[in-house]
Amino acid sequence: MTKKRPLVVITWVDTTSFTTWQDDAAITEKEMATITTVGYLVATTRKDVRIVRSMASDGGIGDLMLIPKACVLKIKKVRS
């Protein structure tokens, strides 16, 4: 039986790189990427938020993702 975990939508910022030549004006206009990730909340630690994106009926979990807590902007619970 799969352990019940809340489904959440996490909005967070990620590192972003730009590999083309740019001038100073263009550089000051750049921003980090804002990411939206959906998954089942496993745990929140002092350092990160842990979600999985796949759960099997036998209790197995897959696609574990650790998002640094300092990067998280918002966590919205979709359902329990």
N, C-alpha and C. Protein backbone atom coordinates (compact mmCIF):
# COMPACT_ATOMS: atom_id res chain seq x y z
N MET A 1 0.84 -1.18 0.00
CA MET A 1 0.00 0.00 0.00
C MET A 1 0.89 1.25 0.00
N THR A 2 0.54 2.21 -0.83
CA THR A 2 1.31 3.45 -0.92
C THR A 2 0.98 4.38 0.24
N LYS A 3 2.01 4.92 0.88
CA LYS A 3 1.82 5.88 1.96
C LYS A 3 1.19 7.15 1.38
N LYS A 4 0.20 7.68 2.09
CA LYS A 4 -0.47 8.88 1.62
C LYS A 4 0.45 10.09 1.81
N ARG A 5 0.66 10.82 0.74
CA ARG A 5 1.50 12.02 0.77
C ARG A 5 0.74 13.15 0.09
N PRO A 6 0.87 14.38 0.59
CA PRO A 6 0.17 15.48 -0.04
C PRO A 6 0.77 15.84 -1.40
N LEU A 7 -0.10 16.14 -2.35
CA LEU A 7 0.32 16.61 -3.66
C LEU A 7 0.54 18.12 -3.56
N VAL A 8 1.72 18.59 -3.99
CA VAL A 8 2.05 20.00 -3.85
C VAL A 8 2.56 20.59 -5.17
N VAL A 9 2.41 21.89 -5.28
CA VAL A 9 3.01 22.65 -6.38
C VAL A 9 4.05 23.57 -5.74
N ILE A 10 5.29 23.42 -6.16
CA ILE A 10 6.38 24.22 -5.60
C ILE A 10 6.85 25.21 -6.66
N THR A 11 6.91 26.47 -6.28
CA THR A 11 7.47 27.52 -7.14
C THR A 11 8.83 27.87 -6.56
N TRP A 12 9.87 27.82 -7.40
CA TRP A 12 11.22 28.04 -6.91
C TRP A 12 12.09 28.65 -8.00
N VAL A 13 13.21 29.25 -7.58
CA VAL A 13 14.13 29.83 -8.55
C VAL A 13 15.32 28.90 -8.74
N ASP A 14 15.80 28.86 -9.97
CA ASP A 14 16.90 27.98 -10.32
C ASP A 14 18.02 28.81 -10.96
N THR A 15 19.22 28.27 -10.90
CA THR A 15 20.32 28.94 -11.59
C THR A 15 20.03 28.99 -13.08
N THR A 16 20.51 30.01 -13.71
CA THR A 16 20.26 30.22 -15.13
C THR A 16 21.55 30.69 -15.78
N SER A 17 21.84 30.17 -16.96
CA SER A 17 23.03 30.64 -17.68
C SER A 17 22.64 31.07 -19.08
N PHE A 18 23.42 31.97 -19.61
CA PHE A 18 23.21 32.49 -20.96
C PHE A 18 24.55 32.37 -21.68
N THR A 19 24.58 31.60 -22.74
CA THR A 19 25.85 31.26 -23.37
C THR A 19 26.20 32.11 -24.59
N THR A 20 25.48 33.19 -24.82
CA THR A 20 25.79 34.05 -25.95
C THR A 20 26.54 35.29 -25.48
N TRP A 21 27.22 35.95 -26.41
CA TRP A 21 27.91 37.20 -26.09
C TRP A 21 26.86 38.27 -25.81
N GLN A 22 27.10 39.08 -24.77
CA GLN A 22 26.15 40.12 -24.40
C GLN A 22 26.88 41.36 -23.94
N ASP A 23 26.20 42.48 -24.00
CA ASP A 23 26.79 43.71 -23.47
C ASP A 23 26.31 43.94 -22.04
N ASP A 24 26.87 44.96 -21.37
CA ASP A 24 26.53 45.23 -19.97
C ASP A 24 25.04 45.49 -19.77
N ALA A 25 24.39 46.18 -20.69
CA ALA A 25 22.97 46.49 -20.55
C ALA A 25 22.13 45.21 -20.53
N ALA A 26 22.46 44.28 -21.40
CA ALA A 26 21.71 43.01 -21.46
C ALA A 26 21.92 42.19 -20.19
N ILE A 27 23.11 42.24 -19.65
CA ILE A 27 23.41 41.44 -18.45
C ILE A 27 22.57 41.90 -17.26
N THR A 28 22.39 43.20 -17.11
CA THR A 28 21.64 43.70 -15.96
C THR A 28 20.15 43.39 -16.06
N GLU A 29 19.66 43.07 -17.25
CA GLU A 29 18.23 42.77 -17.44
C GLU A 29 17.90 41.29 -17.21
N LYS A 30 18.89 40.44 -17.13
CA LYS A 30 18.65 38.99 -17.00
C LYS A 30 18.17 38.65 -15.59
N GLU A 31 17.36 37.59 -15.51
CA GLU A 31 16.86 37.11 -14.22
C GLU A 31 16.99 35.60 -14.15
N MET A 32 16.98 35.08 -12.91
CA MET A 32 17.00 33.63 -12.74
C MET A 32 15.67 33.05 -13.23
N ALA A 33 15.69 31.78 -13.60
CA ALA A 33 14.48 31.11 -14.05
C ALA A 33 13.59 30.78 -12.86
N THR A 34 12.29 31.03 -13.00
CA THR A 34 11.32 30.62 -11.99
C THR A 34 10.71 29.32 -12.47
N ILE A 35 10.77 28.29 -11.63
CA ILE A 35 10.35 26.94 -11.98
C ILE A 35 9.11 26.56 -11.17
N THR A 36 8.19 25.83 -11.80
CA THR A 36 7.04 25.26 -11.10
C THR A 36 7.15 23.74 -11.21
N THR A 37 7.17 23.07 -10.06
CA THR A 37 7.31 21.62 -10.02
C THR A 37 6.17 21.03 -9.20
N VAL A 38 5.58 19.96 -9.71
CA VAL A 38 4.47 19.29 -9.04
C VAL A 38 4.95 17.91 -8.57
N GLY A 39 4.61 17.55 -7.34
CA GLY A 39 5.00 16.24 -6.84
C GLY A 39 4.37 15.96 -5.49
N TYR A 40 4.66 14.78 -4.98
CA TYR A 40 4.16 14.37 -3.67
C TYR A 40 5.21 14.71 -2.62
N LEU A 41 4.82 15.46 -1.61
CA LEU A 41 5.75 15.91 -0.57
C LEU A 41 6.17 14.73 0.31
N VAL A 42 7.48 14.50 0.38
CA VAL A 42 8.04 13.43 1.21
C VAL A 42 8.49 14.01 2.54
N ALA A 43 9.23 15.13 2.50
CA ALA A 43 9.76 15.73 3.73
C ALA A 43 10.23 17.15 3.46
N THR A 44 10.25 17.91 4.52
CA THR A 44 10.88 19.22 4.50
C THR A 44 11.95 19.19 5.58
N THR A 45 13.20 19.40 5.17
CA THR A 45 14.31 19.41 6.12
C THR A 45 14.79 20.84 6.31
N ARG A 46 15.80 20.99 7.13
CA ARG A 46 16.37 22.32 7.36
C ARG A 46 16.98 22.87 6.06
N LYS A 47 17.47 21.97 5.20
CA LYS A 47 18.17 22.38 3.98
C LYS A 47 17.34 22.30 2.70
N ASP A 48 16.34 21.40 2.66
CA ASP A 48 15.65 21.19 1.39
C ASP A 48 14.21 20.74 1.55
N VAL A 49 13.50 20.76 0.41
CA VAL A 49 12.16 20.21 0.31
C VAL A 49 12.28 18.99 -0.59
N ARG A 50 11.74 17.85 -0.14
CA ARG A 50 11.90 16.59 -0.88
C ARG A 50 10.54 16.14 -1.42
N ILE A 51 10.49 15.95 -2.73
CA ILE A 51 9.27 15.46 -3.36
C ILE A 51 9.60 14.27 -4.25
N VAL A 52 8.59 13.47 -4.52
CA VAL A 52 8.69 12.41 -5.51
C VAL A 52 7.61 12.65 -6.55
N ARG A 53 7.89 12.24 -7.76
CA ARG A 53 6.93 12.47 -8.84
C ARG A 53 6.23 11.18 -9.27
N SER A 54 6.67 10.06 -8.71
CA SER A 54 6.03 8.78 -9.03
C SER A 54 5.92 7.93 -7.77
N MET A 55 4.76 7.26 -7.60
CA MET A 55 4.56 6.33 -6.48
C MET A 55 3.89 5.07 -7.02
N ALA A 56 4.44 3.92 -6.65
CA ALA A 56 3.90 2.63 -7.08
C ALA A 56 2.94 2.10 -6.03
N SER A 57 2.03 1.22 -6.46
CA SER A 57 1.05 0.65 -5.54
C SER A 57 1.69 -0.24 -4.47
N ASP A 58 2.91 -0.72 -4.72
CA ASP A 58 3.60 -1.55 -3.72
C ASP A 58 4.41 -0.73 -2.71
N GLY A 59 4.27 0.60 -2.75
CA GLY A 59 4.97 1.46 -1.81
C GLY A 59 6.26 2.06 -2.33
N GLY A 60 6.70 1.62 -3.49
CA GLY A 60 7.93 2.18 -4.07
C GLY A 60 7.73 3.61 -4.53
N ILE A 61 8.78 4.42 -4.40
CA ILE A 61 8.70 5.79 -4.89
C ILE A 61 9.83 6.05 -5.86
N GLY A 62 9.58 6.91 -6.84
CA GLY A 62 10.58 7.20 -7.86
C GLY A 62 10.62 8.68 -8.18
N ASP A 63 11.63 9.06 -8.90
CA ASP A 63 11.82 10.44 -9.34
C ASP A 63 11.94 11.39 -8.15
N LEU A 64 12.80 11.02 -7.19
CA LEU A 64 13.04 11.86 -6.02
C LEU A 64 13.72 13.15 -6.44
N MET A 65 13.25 14.27 -5.92
CA MET A 65 13.83 15.58 -6.22
C MET A 65 14.04 16.34 -4.92
N LEU A 66 15.23 16.86 -4.72
CA LEU A 66 15.55 17.70 -3.56
C LEU A 66 15.73 19.13 -4.05
N ILE A 67 14.91 20.02 -3.56
CA ILE A 67 14.97 21.43 -3.95
C ILE A 67 15.54 22.20 -2.76
N PRO A 68 16.64 22.94 -2.95
CA PRO A 68 17.20 23.71 -1.84
C PRO A 68 16.15 24.66 -1.26
N LYS A 69 16.01 24.64 0.05
CA LYS A 69 14.98 25.44 0.71
C LYS A 69 15.16 26.94 0.43
N ALA A 70 16.39 27.38 0.29
CA ALA A 70 16.66 28.79 0.02
C ALA A 70 16.13 29.23 -1.35
N CYS A 71 15.87 28.27 -2.24
CA CYS A 71 15.38 28.58 -3.59
C CYS A 71 13.85 28.58 -3.67
N VAL A 72 13.18 28.05 -2.65
CA VAL A 72 11.72 27.90 -2.69
C VAL A 72 11.03 29.23 -2.42
N LEU A 73 10.14 29.61 -3.33
CA LEU A 73 9.35 30.82 -3.17
C LEU A 73 8.00 30.53 -2.52
N LYS A 74 7.40 29.38 -2.93
CA LYS A 74 6.05 29.07 -2.44
C LYS A 74 5.80 27.57 -2.58
N ILE A 75 5.07 27.02 -1.59
CA ILE A 75 4.58 25.64 -1.65
C ILE A 75 3.08 25.68 -1.47
N LYS A 76 2.35 25.17 -2.44
CA LYS A 76 0.89 25.15 -2.37
C LYS A 76 0.40 23.70 -2.37
N LYS A 77 -0.33 23.33 -1.31
CA LYS A 77 -0.89 21.97 -1.24
C LYS A 77 -2.09 21.89 -2.17
N VAL A 78 -2.08 20.91 -3.07
CA VAL A 78 -3.18 20.71 -4.01
C VAL A 78 -4.25 19.84 -3.35
N ARG A 79 -3.80 18.76 -2.72
CA ARG A 79 -4.72 17.87 -1.99
C ARG A 79 -3.91 16.98 -1.07
N SER A 80 -4.60 16.36 -0.12
CA SER A 80 -3.91 15.45 0.81
C SER A 80 -3.98 14.04 0.32
